[in-house]
Amino acid sequence: MKTLKFYSPSTPEELTERLLEIGITKKHIKNHLPKYFWVINKIYVHQTINKQDVECRLSKELLCKIIGVDYYIQIINNLINLGIIEKSSKYFVGIRSNGYILIDKSNIKQYEFTDSRFISKLIQQKEQEKDIRVQKDSQTLSRLFRCMSNLQHNHINQDSLTDIEKLFLDELINNPFQKVGNKGKRIYNNFCNLPTSLRSKLRLNNENLVFVDIVNSQMIFISEVIKKYIVNYNIQPTKRTNEFFRLVGNGKLYETFMKWKKSDDRTKIKKSVFKCFFSKSSKSLISKKFEKNFNQVFLIVKELKKDDYKALAHSMQQEEANLIFTALNKIDYQIDVLSIHDSLYSNESNLDLIKDALISTFNDFGITATININNQYAINTAEINPIQQALIKPIQETLPEVIQVDEIEEISLKTADSASNSDTSINYLDGYANKAFFSAVDNIIGKPITTDIIKELVRLVDFTKVDEYYLLNEYIKKIPLTFFNFNLLSIITKIDGHKLIISREKLVDFTELEKGDARHIKVFELLKKKAKEEIELYNIHIPALEVA
């Protein structure tokens, strides 16, 4: 027996009686009653697919295909006349379809329909569209769908669930979906859209679910988009732009706006800040403060949204998706892990596993963020990075002169002509920062120089939090911030004739160092070589560059 269930606030008997009252014939009701319920159900369950959209858009093509070209207008109008649904927005040719909402959502229940031609057609169509509804044509998609299918729910007392929770659980079990956003590249599925109250009741591998997520994630990845724009267009960041990045990294951006507006409503301020980045335009007081205090960032955001105000949000989502799925792929494929945009979920036994994967990925990307560990405590990724840990230790007065590495060819570096660029608006790093660098080196002196330590040292010239720890030594007094190229630079040198490429992610063509052949080299020689390479690579003119 072919059966389908539809959600509705009215029973079949009640809807039949109401249709008769407005003059609809018994023959029409007999032939088309399931179609009325299909429309009501379609609008009601739409929230499980897109919980941000309060209305369900029904295209003419879909209605003609499901209900029939001769009947869809009459059925839609009858439901509107009965006050069951409402047309909430009109279509624009080539842009959007009519939008509908369900007026009465109280007392909604499921009603079963069987053995009609319409029901058979829907069941057949559902089977045909299964591969379209569920995207799993990559290892990541396949893994996420497998894990979502492994979620356990039989232990849940159905009577304890709200109507909304019952709806989302039913769709998770009987109508799973999974898709990739066309522009933002986020992955959407039933698990992502579950109400938090329901998600917390599910189990995985007979254990409760736990999670790690990124605090203030939107601003962190917005910052990454802005940094790339700065690098791509060779823009010199201002001091206020550096301050913006610092506030984002520390999670204090909203508090700064709260102080400026003299408000203690963080949620309201956060919404106003979001409008500056994600809406077509904003003329609020927050927007004016944003433009005044972070003018360079404001102008870059304006430029990024010039042709499409959603473009910045899509770029932000791409940055987020890239990092999250990189973290996911660090974990063995056979382990059940789920994702929700800026978070990873698994069963309790795997909490440390997903935590370490996310934190190490942030360190690989050279991004500082705060990670919420299952609402139990929070960790700043800088606290896990051994070099960054060394940087925040007290600076020592006696600076070490050498660090043990293999021999490196001598590099001559001419002092740039300080008179060639007198633009005092260019932001420079102060020379006193050298102490932080040498202090960090001092904290790792005595350890074997492994590839990991070399990579960590490279990150010292690969940072954005310039207010907390500046790099540079006593021989190079001032260098523009563009020198560091925001997590994208690499060092290329030769060690014993072997080409060594150190990037923010990996080492290539590296021959292991032999302890017996280890030599000493002054740390500033590495910086001198770095400066020479970047001047050549990016054609950067560095005024007031002083080398001993």
Protein backbone atom coordinates (compact mmCIF):
# COMPACT_ATOMS: atom_id res chain seq x y z
CA MET A 1 0.00 0.00 0.00
CA LYS A 2 1.46 3.35 -1.07
CA THR A 3 1.12 5.92 1.70
CA LEU A 4 2.24 9.48 2.36
CA LYS A 5 1.72 11.74 5.38
CA PHE A 6 1.06 15.47 5.22
CA TYR A 7 1.12 18.12 7.97
CA SER A 8 -1.97 20.29 8.31
CA PRO A 9 -3.85 22.35 10.95
CA SER A 10 -7.12 20.88 9.57
CA THR A 11 -8.28 17.28 9.34
CA PRO A 12 -9.39 15.96 5.93
CA GLU A 13 -12.99 16.10 7.18
CA GLU A 14 -12.64 19.69 8.38
CA LEU A 15 -11.04 20.89 5.15
CA THR A 16 -13.69 19.09 3.07
CA GLU A 17 -16.48 20.83 5.02
CA ARG A 18 -14.86 24.24 4.67
CA LEU A 19 -14.38 23.79 0.92
CA LEU A 20 -18.05 22.84 0.51
CA GLU A 21 -19.01 25.99 2.41
CA ILE A 22 -17.33 28.21 -0.20
CA GLY A 23 -19.02 26.38 -3.09
CA ILE A 24 -16.40 23.81 -4.13
CA THR A 25 -17.99 20.70 -5.64
CA LYS A 26 -17.75 17.26 -4.07
CA LYS A 27 -16.22 15.90 -7.29
CA HIS A 28 -13.40 18.44 -7.17
CA ILE A 29 -12.74 17.70 -3.49
CA LYS A 30 -12.73 13.94 -4.08
CA ASN A 31 -10.25 14.23 -6.95
CA HIS A 32 -7.94 16.88 -5.51
CA LEU A 33 -8.09 16.89 -1.69
CA PRO A 34 -4.56 15.38 -1.32
CA LYS A 35 -3.22 18.26 -3.43
CA TYR A 36 -4.52 20.79 -0.90
CA PHE A 37 -2.68 18.91 1.82
CA TRP A 38 0.48 18.75 -0.30
CA VAL A 39 0.50 22.57 -0.59
CA ILE A 40 -0.07 23.05 3.16
CA ASN A 41 2.63 20.47 4.00
CA LYS A 42 5.09 21.99 1.55
CA ILE A 43 4.79 25.42 3.14
CA TYR A 44 4.98 24.07 6.69
CA VAL A 45 8.06 21.84 6.26
CA HIS A 46 9.96 24.52 4.33
CA GLN A 47 11.43 25.78 7.60
CA THR A 48 13.37 22.52 7.96
CA ILE A 49 15.17 23.26 4.67
CA ASN A 50 15.75 26.99 5.15
CA LYS A 51 15.06 28.08 8.71
CA GLN A 52 16.12 31.66 7.94
CA ASP A 53 13.39 32.12 5.33
CA VAL A 54 9.96 32.67 6.88
CA GLU A 55 8.14 32.16 3.60
CA CYS A 56 8.04 29.29 1.16
CA ARG A 57 8.41 30.18 -2.52
CA LEU A 58 6.37 28.01 -4.88
CA SER A 59 7.21 28.42 -8.54
CA LYS A 60 4.66 28.09 -11.31
CA GLU A 61 6.76 25.29 -12.80
CA LEU A 62 6.65 23.26 -9.57
CA LEU A 63 2.91 23.79 -9.04
CA CYS A 64 2.11 22.80 -12.63
CA LYS A 65 4.28 19.70 -12.32
CA ILE A 66 2.78 18.51 -9.01
CA ILE A 67 -0.80 19.82 -9.00
CA GLY A 68 -1.43 20.29 -12.71
CA VAL A 69 -1.67 23.34 -14.95
CA ASP A 70 -5.49 23.32 -14.86
CA TYR A 71 -5.86 23.20 -11.07
CA TYR A 72 -2.96 24.89 -9.25
CA ILE A 73 -4.38 28.44 -9.38
CA GLN A 74 -7.77 27.34 -8.06
CA ILE A 75 -6.27 25.26 -5.23
CA ILE A 76 -3.92 28.06 -4.14
CA ASN A 77 -6.73 30.64 -4.23
CA ASN A 78 -9.11 28.38 -2.30
CA LEU A 79 -6.53 27.94 0.48
CA ILE A 80 -6.03 31.73 0.59
CA ASN A 81 -9.79 32.35 0.70
CA LEU A 82 -10.15 29.89 3.58
CA GLY A 83 -7.48 31.79 5.54
CA ILE A 84 -5.18 28.77 5.75
CA ILE A 85 -2.30 30.26 3.75
CA GLU A 86 -1.33 33.77 2.74
CA LYS A 87 0.64 35.14 -0.20
CA SER A 88 3.46 36.96 1.57
CA SER A 89 5.37 38.28 -1.45
CA LYS A 90 4.91 38.54 -5.19
CA TYR A 91 7.06 37.10 -7.91
CA PHE A 92 9.58 39.02 -9.99
CA VAL A 93 10.18 37.59 -13.43
CA GLY A 94 13.48 35.74 -13.54
CA ILE A 95 14.29 36.61 -9.92
CA ARG A 96 11.86 34.96 -7.49
CA SER A 97 8.54 33.12 -7.26
CA ASN A 98 5.49 33.95 -5.14
CA GLY A 99 6.08 33.48 -1.43
CA TYR A 100 3.53 31.87 0.92
CA ILE A 101 3.20 31.43 4.66
CA LEU A 102 0.94 29.23 6.80
CA ILE A 103 -1.38 31.44 8.86
CA ASP A 104 -2.46 29.00 11.57
CA LYS A 105 0.34 26.77 12.90
CA SER A 106 -1.48 25.61 16.01
CA ASN A 107 -2.65 22.04 16.45
CA ILE A 108 -0.75 20.81 13.40
CA LYS A 109 -0.78 17.07 12.93
CA GLN A 110 0.06 14.54 10.24
CA TYR A 111 -2.66 12.95 8.13
CA GLU A 112 -2.19 9.87 5.99
CA PHE A 113 -3.25 9.49 2.35
CA THR A 114 -3.10 6.22 0.42
CA ASP A 115 -3.67 4.57 -2.96
CA SER A 116 -4.43 7.49 -5.24
CA ARG A 117 -2.79 8.31 -8.55
CA PHE A 118 -1.49 11.54 -7.04
CA ILE A 119 0.13 9.76 -4.08
CA SER A 120 1.76 7.18 -6.39
CA LYS A 121 3.11 10.02 -8.54
CA LEU A 122 4.64 11.79 -5.53
CA ILE A 123 6.28 8.59 -4.24
CA GLN A 124 7.77 7.86 -7.64
CA GLN A 125 9.02 11.42 -8.00
CA LYS A 126 10.55 11.37 -4.51
CA GLU A 127 12.52 8.24 -5.40
CA GLN A 128 13.72 9.77 -8.68
CA GLU A 129 14.89 12.97 -6.98
CA LYS A 130 16.71 11.25 -4.11
CA ASP A 131 20.16 11.86 -5.61
CA ILE A 132 19.27 15.51 -6.25
CA ARG A 133 17.94 16.04 -2.74
CA VAL A 134 20.97 14.41 -1.12
CA GLN A 135 24.37 15.49 -2.45
CA LYS A 136 27.08 13.04 -1.45
CA ASP A 137 29.37 13.00 -4.47
CA SER A 138 32.56 13.78 -2.55
CA GLN A 139 34.33 12.15 0.38
CA THR A 140 33.35 15.00 2.72
CA LEU A 141 29.69 14.97 1.64
CA SER A 142 29.51 11.19 1.84
CA ARG A 143 31.03 11.22 5.30
CA LEU A 144 28.68 13.90 6.66
CA PHE A 145 25.61 12.12 5.30
CA ARG A 146 26.79 8.81 6.78
CA CYS A 147 27.28 10.42 10.18
CA MET A 148 23.90 12.16 10.01
CA SER A 149 22.29 8.80 9.20
CA ASN A 150 23.99 7.30 12.27
CA LEU A 151 22.34 9.75 14.67
CA GLN A 152 20.22 7.92 17.28
CA HIS A 153 16.73 9.06 18.35
CA ASN A 154 14.79 6.00 19.57
CA HIS A 155 15.58 6.84 23.21
CA ILE A 156 13.74 10.18 22.97
CA ASN A 157 10.30 10.40 24.58
CA GLN A 158 8.09 11.72 21.78
CA ASP A 159 5.65 13.22 24.26
CA SER A 160 8.41 15.49 25.54
CA LEU A 161 8.93 17.09 22.12
CA THR A 162 7.31 20.27 20.88
CA ASP A 163 5.47 20.31 17.54
CA ILE A 164 8.47 21.98 15.89
CA GLU A 165 10.87 19.41 17.33
CA LYS A 166 8.65 16.59 16.08
CA LEU A 167 8.61 18.16 12.61
CA PHE A 168 12.40 18.47 12.39
CA LEU A 169 12.96 14.96 13.76
CA ASP A 170 10.47 13.48 11.30
CA GLU A 171 12.18 15.22 8.37
CA LEU A 172 15.59 14.05 9.60
CA ILE A 173 14.38 10.46 9.64
CA ASN A 174 12.10 10.34 6.60
CA ASN A 175 13.15 13.20 4.29
CA PRO A 176 16.89 13.75 4.63
CA PHE A 177 18.54 16.37 2.46
CA GLN A 178 22.06 17.66 1.92
CA LYS A 179 23.31 20.33 -0.46
CA VAL A 180 26.25 22.64 -1.03
CA GLY A 181 25.67 26.37 -1.26
CA ASN A 182 26.39 27.64 -4.77
CA LYS A 183 28.26 30.74 -3.66
CA GLY A 184 29.23 30.39 -0.01
CA LYS A 185 30.21 26.70 -0.36
CA ARG A 186 28.69 25.88 3.00
CA ILE A 187 27.12 22.45 3.41
CA TYR A 188 23.47 22.42 4.46
CA ASN A 189 21.60 19.37 5.74
CA ASN A 190 18.94 18.37 8.27
CA PHE A 191 21.47 18.31 11.11
CA CYS A 192 22.54 21.92 10.47
CA ASN A 193 18.95 23.13 10.73
CA LEU A 194 17.86 21.21 13.83
CA PRO A 195 16.65 23.29 16.79
CA THR A 196 19.34 23.35 19.47
CA SER A 197 16.91 21.80 21.96
CA LEU A 198 16.39 18.78 19.70
CA ARG A 199 20.02 18.43 18.68
CA SER A 200 21.05 18.12 22.33
CA LYS A 201 18.72 15.13 22.74
CA LEU A 202 20.23 13.09 19.92
CA ARG A 203 22.99 10.54 20.42
CA LEU A 204 25.84 9.22 18.31
CA ASN A 205 27.48 5.85 18.92
CA ASN A 206 25.41 5.53 22.13
CA GLU A 207 26.89 8.73 23.55
CA ASN A 208 25.70 12.30 23.91
CA LEU A 209 26.73 14.80 21.26
CA VAL A 210 29.49 17.31 22.01
CA PHE A 211 30.83 20.17 19.92
CA VAL A 212 33.52 22.77 19.39
CA ASP A 213 32.72 26.03 17.65
CA ILE A 214 34.36 29.31 16.71
CA VAL A 215 33.51 32.34 18.81
CA ASN A 216 32.78 35.47 16.77
CA SER A 217 33.34 33.46 13.59
CA GLN A 218 31.72 35.90 11.14
CA MET A 219 34.08 38.74 12.03
CA ILE A 220 37.12 36.47 12.03
CA PHE A 221 36.51 35.30 8.47
CA ILE A 222 35.39 38.75 7.32
CA SER A 223 38.81 39.93 8.51
CA GLU A 224 40.50 37.22 6.43
CA VAL A 225 38.62 38.42 3.32
CA ILE A 226 39.71 42.01 4.01
CA LYS A 227 43.33 40.97 4.57
CA LYS A 228 43.41 39.18 1.23
CA TYR A 229 42.01 42.28 -0.46
CA ILE A 230 44.75 44.38 1.17
CA VAL A 231 47.43 41.98 -0.06
CA ASN A 232 46.03 41.58 -3.57
CA TYR A 233 45.85 45.34 -4.13
CA ASN A 234 49.10 46.13 -2.30
CA ILE A 235 47.36 48.43 0.17
CA GLN A 236 49.21 49.74 3.21
CA PRO A 237 47.06 49.08 6.30
CA THR A 238 46.50 52.03 8.60
CA LYS A 239 46.93 51.91 12.35
CA ARG A 240 43.15 51.84 12.72
CA THR A 241 42.92 48.86 10.37
CA ASN A 242 45.48 47.04 12.48
CA GLU A 243 43.39 47.92 15.53
CA PHE A 244 40.31 46.48 13.83
CA PHE A 245 42.10 43.17 13.24
CA ARG A 246 43.30 43.13 16.83
CA LEU A 247 39.80 43.71 18.22
CA VAL A 248 38.39 40.94 16.02
CA GLY A 249 41.14 38.50 17.05
CA ASN A 250 40.50 39.26 20.72
CA GLY A 251 36.71 39.06 20.32
CA LYS A 252 36.32 42.68 21.53
CA LEU A 253 34.94 44.39 18.42
CA TYR A 254 31.34 44.53 19.60
CA GLU A 255 32.40 45.77 23.04
CA THR A 256 34.24 48.63 21.38
CA PHE A 257 31.11 49.70 19.51
CA MET A 258 29.12 49.35 22.74
CA LYS A 259 31.51 51.76 24.41
CA TRP A 260 31.27 54.27 21.57
CA LYS A 261 27.48 54.16 21.58
CA LYS A 262 27.30 53.97 25.39
CA SER A 263 25.13 50.86 25.19
CA ASP A 264 25.15 47.64 27.21
CA ASP A 265 22.97 45.73 24.71
CA ARG A 266 25.55 43.52 22.98
CA THR A 267 22.96 41.66 20.88
CA LYS A 268 21.57 44.89 19.47
CA ILE A 269 25.03 46.26 18.73
CA LYS A 270 26.04 43.00 17.05
CA LYS A 271 23.02 43.21 14.72
CA SER A 272 23.89 46.80 13.85
CA VAL A 273 27.50 45.84 13.10
CA PHE A 274 26.29 42.96 10.91
CA LYS A 275 24.22 45.42 8.88
CA CYS A 276 27.40 47.35 8.09
CA PHE A 277 28.89 44.23 6.51
CA PHE A 278 25.94 42.28 5.14
CA SER A 279 23.14 44.72 4.18
CA LYS A 280 22.81 46.82 1.03
CA SER A 281 23.38 49.99 3.01
CA SER A 282 23.29 51.22 6.57
CA LYS A 283 22.91 54.79 7.82
CA SER A 284 22.80 53.97 11.51
CA LEU A 285 24.94 55.59 14.18
CA ILE A 286 27.01 52.38 14.32
CA SER A 287 27.67 52.67 10.59
CA LYS A 288 28.85 56.26 11.03
CA LYS A 289 31.12 55.22 13.90
CA PHE A 290 32.45 52.38 11.76
CA GLU A 291 33.20 54.74 8.85
CA LYS A 292 34.89 57.29 11.12
CA ASN A 293 37.00 54.97 13.27
CA PHE A 294 37.84 52.22 10.77
CA ASN A 295 37.67 54.20 7.56
CA GLN A 296 39.99 52.01 5.51
CA VAL A 297 38.08 48.85 6.47
CA PHE A 298 34.79 50.64 5.78
CA LEU A 299 35.91 51.63 2.26
CA ILE A 300 37.18 48.11 1.49
CA VAL A 301 33.86 46.61 2.63
CA LYS A 302 32.01 49.14 0.46
CA GLU A 303 34.14 48.18 -2.53
CA LEU A 304 33.63 44.45 -1.94
CA LYS A 305 29.84 44.96 -1.91
CA LYS A 306 29.78 47.39 -4.84
CA ASP A 307 28.44 45.00 -7.48
CA ASP A 308 26.63 42.57 -5.17
CA TYR A 309 25.97 43.35 -1.52
CA LYS A 310 25.92 39.61 -0.77
CA ALA A 311 29.40 39.03 -2.22
CA LEU A 312 31.20 39.77 1.04
CA ALA A 313 29.02 37.29 2.95
CA HIS A 314 29.69 34.62 0.33
CA SER A 315 33.45 35.22 0.51
CA MET A 316 33.29 35.02 4.29
CA GLN A 317 31.42 31.71 4.09
CA GLN A 318 34.01 30.33 1.67
CA GLU A 319 36.83 31.18 4.09
CA GLU A 320 34.88 29.54 6.91
CA ALA A 321 34.04 26.41 4.89
CA ASN A 322 37.66 25.99 3.79
CA LEU A 323 38.93 26.03 7.37
CA ILE A 324 36.18 23.83 8.85
CA PHE A 325 36.51 21.13 6.20
CA THR A 326 40.29 21.22 6.44
CA ALA A 327 39.87 20.50 10.16
CA LEU A 328 37.32 17.77 9.41
CA ASN A 329 39.69 16.07 6.98
CA LYS A 330 42.40 15.89 9.65
CA ILE A 331 40.23 13.33 11.46
CA ASP A 332 40.16 9.71 10.32
CA TYR A 333 37.37 9.14 7.80
CA GLN A 334 35.89 6.25 9.80
CA ILE A 335 35.25 8.46 12.84
CA ASP A 336 31.78 10.01 12.94
CA VAL A 337 32.04 13.81 12.83
CA LEU A 338 29.37 16.32 11.78
CA SER A 339 29.70 20.01 10.98
CA ILE A 340 27.47 23.06 11.30
CA HIS A 341 29.14 25.89 9.39
CA ASP A 342 31.55 27.09 12.12
CA SER A 343 31.53 24.03 14.39
CA LEU A 344 32.34 20.33 14.61
CA TYR A 345 30.19 17.74 16.42
CA SER A 346 30.87 14.18 17.50
CA ASN A 347 30.17 11.81 20.38
CA GLU A 348 31.62 12.51 23.83
CA SER A 349 34.63 10.21 23.44
CA ASN A 350 35.86 12.32 20.53
CA LEU A 351 35.72 15.76 22.15
CA ASP A 352 39.50 16.13 22.42
CA LEU A 353 39.88 14.86 18.86
CA ILE A 354 37.63 17.51 17.28
CA LYS A 355 39.06 20.20 19.58
CA ASP A 356 42.65 19.46 18.59
CA ALA A 357 41.76 19.25 14.89
CA LEU A 358 40.10 22.68 14.90
CA ILE A 359 42.80 24.40 16.95
CA SER A 360 45.66 22.95 14.90
CA THR A 361 43.93 24.04 11.70
CA PHE A 362 43.71 27.61 12.95
CA ASN A 363 47.41 27.49 13.77
CA ASP A 364 48.16 26.04 10.32
CA PHE A 365 46.24 28.91 8.72
CA GLY A 366 47.95 31.46 10.95
CA ILE A 367 44.63 32.75 12.32
CA THR A 368 43.97 33.55 15.96
CA ALA A 369 40.50 32.73 17.31
CA THR A 370 38.70 31.67 20.45
CA ILE A 371 37.19 28.16 20.45
CA ASN A 372 34.17 27.27 22.57
CA ILE A 373 34.55 23.74 23.92
CA ASN A 374 31.04 22.33 24.35
CA ASN A 375 29.98 25.38 26.40
CA GLN A 376 32.31 24.16 29.16
CA TYR A 377 35.30 26.44 28.61
CA ALA A 378 37.01 28.42 25.87
CA ILE A 379 40.52 28.29 24.42
CA ASN A 380 42.31 30.96 22.41
CA THR A 381 44.30 29.28 19.64
CA ALA A 382 47.30 31.46 20.46
CA GLU A 383 47.55 29.67 23.80
CA ILE A 384 48.17 26.38 22.00
CA ASN A 385 50.85 27.70 19.65
CA PRO A 386 54.25 27.14 21.34
CA ILE A 387 55.89 30.13 19.68
CA GLN A 388 53.00 32.42 20.51
CA GLN A 389 53.19 31.12 24.07
CA ALA A 390 56.83 32.11 24.15
CA LEU A 391 56.00 35.55 22.82
CA ILE A 392 53.69 36.41 25.68
CA LYS A 393 56.26 35.44 28.31
CA PRO A 394 58.23 38.30 29.94
CA ILE A 395 60.81 39.74 27.55
CA GLN A 396 64.34 39.03 28.70
CA GLU A 397 66.90 41.80 28.87
CA THR A 398 69.76 39.61 27.65
CA LEU A 399 69.09 38.70 24.03
CA PRO A 400 70.62 35.57 22.50
CA GLU A 401 72.79 36.17 19.47
CA VAL A 402 72.46 32.84 17.70
CA ILE A 403 70.10 30.06 16.86
CA GLN A 404 71.27 26.64 15.73
CA VAL A 405 70.45 25.87 12.10
CA ASP A 406 72.37 24.56 9.11
CA GLU A 407 74.59 26.89 7.16
CA ILE A 408 72.90 29.50 5.04
CA GLU A 409 74.50 31.53 2.27
CA GLU A 410 75.43 35.09 3.16
CA ILE A 411 72.99 37.71 1.93
CA SER A 412 73.93 41.31 1.19
CA LEU A 413 71.15 43.79 1.67
CA LYS A 414 71.46 47.41 0.60
CA THR A 415 69.83 50.05 2.71
CA ALA A 416 66.81 51.52 0.95
CA ASP A 417 66.81 55.20 0.19
CA SER A 418 64.78 56.73 2.97
CA ALA A 419 64.25 59.89 0.95
CA SER A 420 62.43 58.10 -1.86
CA ASN A 421 59.19 57.81 0.06
CA SER A 422 58.29 60.42 2.63
CA ASP A 423 54.61 59.52 3.03
CA THR A 424 54.20 59.79 6.77
CA SER A 425 50.75 58.14 6.59
CA ILE A 426 52.34 54.74 5.93
CA ASN A 427 52.11 52.54 8.98
CA TYR A 428 55.42 51.22 10.30
CA LEU A 429 56.29 48.74 13.00
CA ASP A 430 58.40 50.07 15.82
CA GLY A 431 61.95 48.82 16.31
CA TYR A 432 61.44 47.92 19.96
CA ALA A 433 59.65 44.78 18.78
CA ASN A 434 62.94 42.92 18.38
CA LYS A 435 62.90 41.97 22.06
CA ALA A 436 59.74 39.92 21.63
CA PHE A 437 61.34 38.00 18.78
CA PHE A 438 64.55 37.21 20.64
CA SER A 439 62.60 36.31 23.75
CA ALA A 440 60.67 33.75 21.73
CA VAL A 441 63.89 32.34 20.29
CA ASP A 442 65.40 32.18 23.77
CA ASN A 443 62.48 30.08 24.96
CA ILE A 444 63.17 27.38 22.38
CA ILE A 445 66.98 27.50 22.42
CA GLY A 446 68.38 24.14 23.47
CA LYS A 447 65.68 22.15 21.67
CA PRO A 448 66.50 20.22 18.46
CA ILE A 449 65.73 22.35 15.41
CA THR A 450 62.96 20.23 13.93
CA THR A 451 60.83 21.04 10.92
CA ASP A 452 58.00 21.97 13.29
CA ILE A 453 60.17 24.53 15.10
CA ILE A 454 61.33 25.98 11.79
CA LYS A 455 57.72 26.35 10.70
CA GLU A 456 56.81 28.01 13.98
CA LEU A 457 59.71 30.45 13.57
CA VAL A 458 58.44 31.28 10.11
CA ARG A 459 55.08 32.19 11.63
CA LEU A 460 56.88 34.94 13.51
CA VAL A 461 57.02 36.76 10.21
CA ASP A 462 53.53 35.68 9.37
CA PHE A 463 51.17 37.48 11.68
CA THR A 464 48.57 40.23 12.03
CA LYS A 465 48.34 40.82 15.77
CA VAL A 466 51.05 43.45 15.58
CA ASP A 467 49.98 45.20 18.76
CA GLU A 468 50.71 42.12 20.89
CA TYR A 469 54.01 40.99 19.47
CA TYR A 470 56.02 42.65 16.77
CA LEU A 471 58.73 40.92 14.85
CA LEU A 472 62.00 42.54 13.79
CA ASN A 473 65.39 42.69 15.39
CA GLU A 474 67.75 45.39 16.44
CA TYR A 475 69.31 45.56 12.97
CA ILE A 476 66.10 46.30 11.06
CA LYS A 477 64.34 49.23 12.68
CA LYS A 478 61.21 49.76 10.59
CA ILE A 479 59.40 47.76 7.91
CA PRO A 480 55.89 48.34 6.46
CA LEU A 481 53.26 45.84 7.50
CA THR A 482 52.83 44.77 3.85
CA PHE A 483 56.17 43.02 4.27
CA PHE A 484 54.44 40.25 6.18
CA ASN A 485 51.74 39.65 3.58
CA PHE A 486 49.17 38.37 6.09
CA ASN A 487 49.86 34.63 6.45
CA LEU A 488 50.76 34.13 2.79
CA LEU A 489 54.53 34.61 2.73
CA SER A 490 57.14 31.88 2.67
CA ILE A 491 60.89 31.65 3.13
CA ILE A 492 62.94 30.14 0.31
CA THR A 493 66.58 29.40 1.08
CA LYS A 494 69.28 26.75 0.59
CA ILE A 495 70.62 24.42 3.24
CA ASP A 496 73.60 22.29 2.25
CA GLY A 497 72.62 22.65 -1.40
CA HIS A 498 69.05 21.51 -0.89
CA LYS A 499 66.21 23.86 -1.76
CA LEU A 500 64.03 24.49 1.27
CA ILE A 501 60.57 26.01 1.00
CA ILE A 502 58.88 26.86 4.28
CA SER A 503 55.26 27.90 3.92
CA ARG A 504 52.41 28.35 6.38
CA GLU A 505 51.29 24.77 5.80
CA LYS A 506 54.14 22.47 4.85
CA LEU A 507 57.82 21.99 3.98
CA VAL A 508 58.78 20.79 0.52
CA ASP A 509 61.95 19.00 -0.69
CA PHE A 510 63.54 19.09 2.78
CA THR A 511 66.56 17.00 3.73
CA GLU A 512 66.68 16.23 7.46
CA LEU A 513 69.42 18.03 9.32
CA GLU A 514 72.26 15.97 10.75
CA LYS A 515 73.21 16.97 14.28
CA GLY A 516 76.91 16.49 13.56
CA ASP A 517 76.82 19.03 10.76
CA ALA A 518 74.80 21.63 12.66
CA ARG A 519 76.21 25.15 12.48
CA HIS A 520 75.35 28.48 14.05
CA ILE A 521 73.94 31.52 12.39
CA LYS A 522 72.82 34.86 13.71
CA VAL A 523 69.06 35.23 13.76
CA PHE A 524 69.14 38.58 12.02
CA GLU A 525 70.65 36.93 8.91
CA LEU A 526 67.36 35.08 8.42
CA LEU A 527 65.50 38.36 8.61
CA LYS A 528 67.90 40.07 6.24
CA LYS A 529 67.36 37.32 3.69
CA LYS A 530 63.61 37.52 4.22
CA ALA A 531 63.62 41.28 3.62
CA LYS A 532 65.65 40.93 0.42
CA GLU A 533 63.33 38.28 -1.00
CA GLU A 534 60.17 40.22 -0.27
CA ILE A 535 61.55 43.44 -1.73
CA GLU A 536 62.31 41.54 -4.95
CA LEU A 537 59.08 39.52 -4.97
CA TYR A 538 56.62 42.31 -4.20
CA ASN A 539 58.65 45.31 -5.41
CA ILE A 540 58.19 46.85 -1.97
CA HIS A 541 60.16 50.01 -1.29
CA ILE A 542 61.10 50.15 2.39
CA PRO A 543 62.06 53.62 3.61
CA ALA A 544 64.20 53.86 6.73
CA LEU A 545 65.32 50.25 6.42
CA GLU A 546 68.48 50.07 8.50
CA VAL A 547 70.84 47.12 8.48
CA ALA A 548 73.94 46.92 10.58
